[in-house]
């Protein structure tokens, strides 16, 4: 099941300020809430995942995929996008510091895996990641994701 990442993005913010990983994840959660994807409870669930399991969600150099398990706090499957004005440390030895936090919420395991697989196909290419981190507005992010989907 192919997923169009640009269509799944409910909220895109670039040049956001976060003092630490917790604020960065909160910004991603705020985007999910603003887009009608999840409730505030899901933001707390994402933070709890980092506290319980460490920074494994830093999935590529400079990129964190903030997420938690499907739960009643998820209203529909979707993504939020937070480009940071200054990178923050999550504590990942290989992929810190993080400049881009993608919030992921899914209503079920299948949807979670489908979106993660599509993200992985984009994030495996360091040049694509560099371009996405450097994106300065919502239109550029959507354009890049649409272009990447067309070439995948």
C-alpha atoms as a PDB file:
ATOM      1  CA  UNK A   1       0.000   0.000   0.000  1.00  0.00           C
ATOM      2  CA  UNK A   2       1.799   3.125  -1.242  1.00  0.00           C
ATOM      3  CA  UNK A   3       1.401   6.290   0.792  1.00  0.00           C
ATOM      4  CA  UNK A   4       1.801   9.816  -0.570  1.00  0.00           C
ATOM      5  CA  UNK A   5       3.748  11.568   2.191  1.00  0.00           C
ATOM      6  CA  UNK A   6       2.849  15.046   0.939  1.00  0.00           C
ATOM      7  CA  UNK A   7      -0.849  14.158   1.285  1.00  0.00           C
ATOM      8  CA  UNK A   8      -0.345  12.766   4.792  1.00  0.00           C
ATOM      9  CA  UNK A   9       1.240  15.982   6.111  1.00  0.00           C
ATOM     10  CA  UNK A  10      -1.297  17.813   8.241  1.00  0.00           C
ATOM     11  CA  UNK A  11       1.100  20.464   9.485  1.00  0.00           C
ATOM     12  CA  UNK A  12       4.425  21.847   8.274  1.00  0.00           C
ATOM     13  CA  UNK A  13       6.562  24.294  10.227  1.00  0.00           C
ATOM     14  CA  UNK A  14      10.053  25.390   9.215  1.00  0.00           C
ATOM     15  CA  UNK A  15      12.603  27.388  11.187  1.00  0.00           C
ATOM     16  CA  UNK A  16      10.984  26.450  14.515  1.00  0.00           C
ATOM     17  CA  UNK A  17      12.843  27.051  17.768  1.00  0.00           C
ATOM     18  CA  UNK A  18      13.218  24.241  20.305  1.00  0.00           C
ATOM     19  CA  UNK A  19      15.514  24.282  23.329  1.00  0.00           C
ATOM     20  CA  UNK A  20      15.780  20.481  23.548  1.00  0.00           C
ATOM     21  CA  UNK A  21      14.416  17.177  22.214  1.00  0.00           C
ATOM     22  CA  UNK A  22      11.343  17.362  24.429  1.00  0.00           C
ATOM     23  CA  UNK A  23      10.339  20.738  22.965  1.00  0.00           C
ATOM     24  CA  UNK A  24      11.052  19.445  19.447  1.00  0.00           C
ATOM     25  CA  UNK A  25       8.784  16.421  19.973  1.00  0.00           C
ATOM     26  CA  UNK A  26       6.147  18.700  21.514  1.00  0.00           C
ATOM     27  CA  UNK A  27       6.220  20.880  18.394  1.00  0.00           C
ATOM     28  CA  UNK A  28       5.667  17.766  16.256  1.00  0.00           C
ATOM     29  CA  UNK A  29       2.774  16.791  18.546  1.00  0.00           C
ATOM     30  CA  UNK A  30       1.327  20.300  18.333  1.00  0.00           C
ATOM     31  CA  UNK A  31       1.296  19.912  14.544  1.00  0.00           C
ATOM     32  CA  UNK A  32      -0.558  16.611  14.786  1.00  0.00           C
ATOM     33  CA  UNK A  33      -3.117  18.213  17.107  1.00  0.00           C
ATOM     34  CA  UNK A  34      -3.510  21.305  14.897  1.00  0.00           C
ATOM     35  CA  UNK A  35      -4.058  19.061  11.878  1.00  0.00           C
ATOM     36  CA  UNK A  36      -6.771  17.050  13.604  1.00  0.00           C
ATOM     37  CA  UNK A  37      -4.638  13.905  13.569  1.00  0.00           C
ATOM     38  CA  UNK A  38      -4.270  13.356  17.318  1.00  0.00           C
ATOM     39  CA  UNK A  39      -5.062  14.746  20.738  1.00  0.00           C
ATOM     40  CA  UNK A  40      -2.579  16.307  23.158  1.00  0.00           C
ATOM     41  CA  UNK A  41      -2.386  12.943  24.922  1.00  0.00           C
ATOM     42  CA  UNK A  42      -0.522  11.544  21.915  1.00  0.00           C
ATOM     43  CA  UNK A  43       2.206  14.168  22.353  1.00  0.00           C
ATOM     44  CA  UNK A  44       2.760  12.885  25.884  1.00  0.00           C
ATOM     45  CA  UNK A  45       2.828   9.321  24.552  1.00  0.00           C
ATOM     46  CA  UNK A  46       5.580  10.265  22.059  1.00  0.00           C
ATOM     47  CA  UNK A  47       7.663  11.850  24.824  1.00  0.00           C
ATOM     48  CA  UNK A  48       7.143   8.761  27.000  1.00  0.00           C
ATOM     49  CA  UNK A  49       8.514   6.580  24.175  1.00  0.00           C
ATOM     50  CA  UNK A  50      11.800   8.515  24.217  1.00  0.00           C
ATOM     51  CA  UNK A  51      11.973   8.389  28.010  1.00  0.00           C
ATOM     52  CA  UNK A  52      11.332   4.616  28.054  1.00  0.00           C
ATOM     53  CA  UNK A  53      13.275   3.487  24.981  1.00  0.00           C
ATOM     54  CA  UNK A  54      15.877   6.161  24.337  1.00  0.00           C
ATOM     55  CA  UNK A  55      16.592   8.035  21.105  1.00  0.00           C
ATOM     56  CA  UNK A  56      15.986   5.151  18.670  1.00  0.00           C
ATOM     57  CA  UNK A  57      13.540   7.414  16.823  1.00  0.00           C
ATOM     58  CA  UNK A  58      16.483   9.409  15.458  1.00  0.00           C
ATOM     59  CA  UNK A  59      16.335   7.363  12.260  1.00  0.00           C
ATOM     60  CA  UNK A  60      18.826   9.157  10.014  1.00  0.00           C
ATOM     61  CA  UNK A  61      21.489  11.819  10.448  1.00  0.00           C
ATOM     62  CA  UNK A  62      19.621  14.944  11.532  1.00  0.00           C
ATOM     63  CA  UNK A  63      16.144  13.353  11.416  1.00  0.00           C
ATOM     64  CA  UNK A  64      13.861  12.127  14.198  1.00  0.00           C
ATOM     65  CA  UNK A  65      10.610  10.265  13.587  1.00  0.00           C
ATOM     66  CA  UNK A  66       8.536  11.085  16.669  1.00  0.00           C
ATOM     67  CA  UNK A  67       5.819   8.490  17.184  1.00  0.00           C
ATOM     68  CA  UNK A  68       4.099   6.207  19.641  1.00  0.00           C
ATOM     69  CA  UNK A  69       1.932   3.132  19.316  1.00  0.00           C
ATOM     70  CA  UNK A  70      -1.525   3.475  17.795  1.00  0.00           C
ATOM     71  CA  UNK A  71      -3.841   4.524  20.614  1.00  0.00           C
ATOM     72  CA  UNK A  72      -7.211   6.175  21.278  1.00  0.00           C
ATOM     73  CA  UNK A  73      -5.323   9.509  21.217  1.00  0.00           C
ATOM     74  CA  UNK A  74      -4.886   9.091  17.441  1.00  0.00           C
ATOM     75  CA  UNK A  75      -7.870  10.383  15.477  1.00  0.00           C
ATOM     76  CA  UNK A  76      -6.573   9.529  11.994  1.00  0.00           C
ATOM     77  CA  UNK A  77      -3.292   8.599  10.335  1.00  0.00           C
ATOM     78  CA  UNK A  78      -1.106  11.585   9.518  1.00  0.00           C
ATOM     79  CA  UNK A  79       2.213  13.377   9.768  1.00  0.00           C
ATOM     80  CA  UNK A  80       3.540  16.665  11.054  1.00  0.00           C
ATOM     81  CA  UNK A  81       6.781  18.274   9.948  1.00  0.00           C
ATOM     82  CA  UNK A  82       9.046  20.456  12.086  1.00  0.00           C
ATOM     83  CA  UNK A  83      12.207  21.922  10.630  1.00  0.00           C
ATOM     84  CA  UNK A  84      14.299  23.382  13.446  1.00  0.00           C
ATOM     85  CA  UNK A  85      16.155  26.697  13.211  1.00  0.00           C
ATOM     86  CA  UNK A  86      18.919  25.194  15.366  1.00  0.00           C
ATOM     87  CA  UNK A  87      19.505  21.460  15.833  1.00  0.00           C
ATOM     88  CA  UNK A  88      18.907  19.704  19.155  1.00  0.00           C
ATOM     89  CA  UNK A  89      20.458  16.640  20.761  1.00  0.00           C
ATOM     90  CA  UNK A  90      18.348  13.542  21.351  1.00  0.00           C
ATOM     91  CA  UNK A  91      21.248  11.499  22.718  1.00  0.00           C
ATOM     92  CA  UNK A  92      21.745   9.332  19.612  1.00  0.00           C
ATOM     93  CA  UNK A  93      25.424   8.549  19.165  1.00  0.00           C
ATOM     94  CA  UNK A  94      25.396   8.367  15.354  1.00  0.00           C
ATOM     95  CA  UNK A  95      22.559  10.598  14.110  1.00  0.00           C
ATOM     96  CA  UNK A  96      22.547  13.642  16.429  1.00  0.00           C
ATOM     97  CA  UNK A  97      22.030  16.553  16.275  1.00  0.00           C
ATOM     98  CA  UNK A  98      18.480  16.633  14.896  1.00  0.00           C
ATOM     99  CA  UNK A  99      17.287  19.397  12.570  1.00  0.00           C
ATOM    100  CA  UNK A 100      14.067  17.783  11.355  1.00  0.00           C
ATOM    101  CA  UNK A 101      11.369  16.138  13.469  1.00  0.00           C
ATOM    102  CA  UNK A 102       8.592  14.283  11.681  1.00  0.00           C
ATOM    103  CA  UNK A 103       5.597  13.441  13.858  1.00  0.00           C
ATOM    104  CA  UNK A 104       3.797  10.224  12.926  1.00  0.00           C
ATOM    105  CA  UNK A 105       0.424   9.096  14.234  1.00  0.00           C
ATOM    106  CA  UNK A 106      -1.429   6.062  12.915  1.00  0.00           C
ATOM    107  CA  UNK A 107      -4.746   4.531  13.868  1.00  0.00           C
ATOM    108  CA  UNK A 108      -3.462   0.989  13.406  1.00  0.00           C
ATOM    109  CA  UNK A 109      -0.277  -1.009  13.008  1.00  0.00           C
ATOM    110  CA  UNK A 110      -0.780  -1.437   9.243  1.00  0.00           C
ATOM    111  CA  UNK A 111      -1.032   2.321   8.671  1.00  0.00           C
ATOM    112  CA  UNK A 112       1.970   2.901  10.916  1.00  0.00           C
ATOM    113  CA  UNK A 113       4.099   0.484   8.875  1.00  0.00           C
ATOM    114  CA  UNK A 114       2.931   1.872   5.517  1.00  0.00           C
ATOM    115  CA  UNK A 115       3.887   5.451   6.400  1.00  0.00           C
ATOM    116  CA  UNK A 116       7.196   4.342   7.958  1.00  0.00           C
ATOM    117  CA  UNK A 117       8.087   2.349   4.828  1.00  0.00           C
ATOM    118  CA  UNK A 118       7.429   5.348   2.597  1.00  0.00           C
ATOM    119  CA  UNK A 119       9.461   7.616   4.882  1.00  0.00           C
ATOM    120  CA  UNK A 120      12.317   5.104   4.870  1.00  0.00           C
ATOM    121  CA  UNK A 121      12.433   5.200   1.067  1.00  0.00           C
ATOM    122  CA  UNK A 122      12.962   8.971   1.238  1.00  0.00           C
ATOM    123  CA  UNK A 123      15.310   9.053   4.230  1.00  0.00           C
ATOM    124  CA  UNK A 124      17.689   6.421   2.850  1.00  0.00           C
ATOM    125  CA  UNK A 125      19.070   9.005   0.399  1.00  0.00           C
ATOM    126  CA  UNK A 126      21.402  11.499   2.156  1.00  0.00           C
ATOM    127  CA  UNK A 127      20.930  14.119  -0.583  1.00  0.00           C
ATOM    128  CA  UNK A 128      17.148  13.975  -0.201  1.00  0.00           C
ATOM    129  CA  UNK A 129      17.513  14.307   3.561  1.00  0.00           C
ATOM    130  CA  UNK A 130      19.805  17.311   3.112  1.00  0.00           C
ATOM    131  CA  UNK A 131      17.251  18.979   0.815  1.00  0.00           C
ATOM    132  CA  UNK A 132      14.377  18.275   3.181  1.00  0.00           C
ATOM    133  CA  UNK A 133      16.264  19.643   6.188  1.00  0.00           C
ATOM    134  CA  UNK A 134      17.143  22.776   4.196  1.00  0.00           C
ATOM    135  CA  UNK A 135      13.528  23.396   3.058  1.00  0.00           C
ATOM    136  CA  UNK A 136      12.393  26.846   4.147  1.00  0.00           C
ATOM    137  CA  UNK A 137       8.626  26.696   3.704  1.00  0.00           C
ATOM    138  CA  UNK A 138       5.629  24.386   3.427  1.00  0.00           C
ATOM    139  CA  UNK A 139       5.474  24.563  -0.369  1.00  0.00           C
ATOM    140  CA  UNK A 140       9.097  23.487  -0.746  1.00  0.00           C
ATOM    141  CA  UNK A 141       8.605  20.515   1.599  1.00  0.00           C
ATOM    142  CA  UNK A 142       5.517  19.351  -0.306  1.00  0.00           C
ATOM    143  CA  UNK A 143       7.230  19.871  -3.673  1.00  0.00           C
ATOM    144  CA  UNK A 144      10.283  17.844  -2.624  1.00  0.00           C
ATOM    145  CA  UNK A 145       8.190  14.990  -1.251  1.00  0.00           C
ATOM    146  CA  UNK A 146       6.058  14.912  -4.395  1.00  0.00           C
ATOM    147  CA  UNK A 147       9.203  14.863  -6.587  1.00  0.00           C
ATOM    148  CA  UNK A 148      10.754  12.089  -4.509  1.00  0.00           C
ATOM    149  CA  UNK A 149       7.563  10.016  -4.766  1.00  0.00           C
ATOM    150  CA  UNK A 150       7.566  10.422  -8.550  1.00  0.00           C
ATOM    151  CA  UNK A 151      11.146   9.129  -8.813  1.00  0.00           C
ATOM    152  CA  UNK A 152      10.758   6.218  -6.382  1.00  0.00           C
END
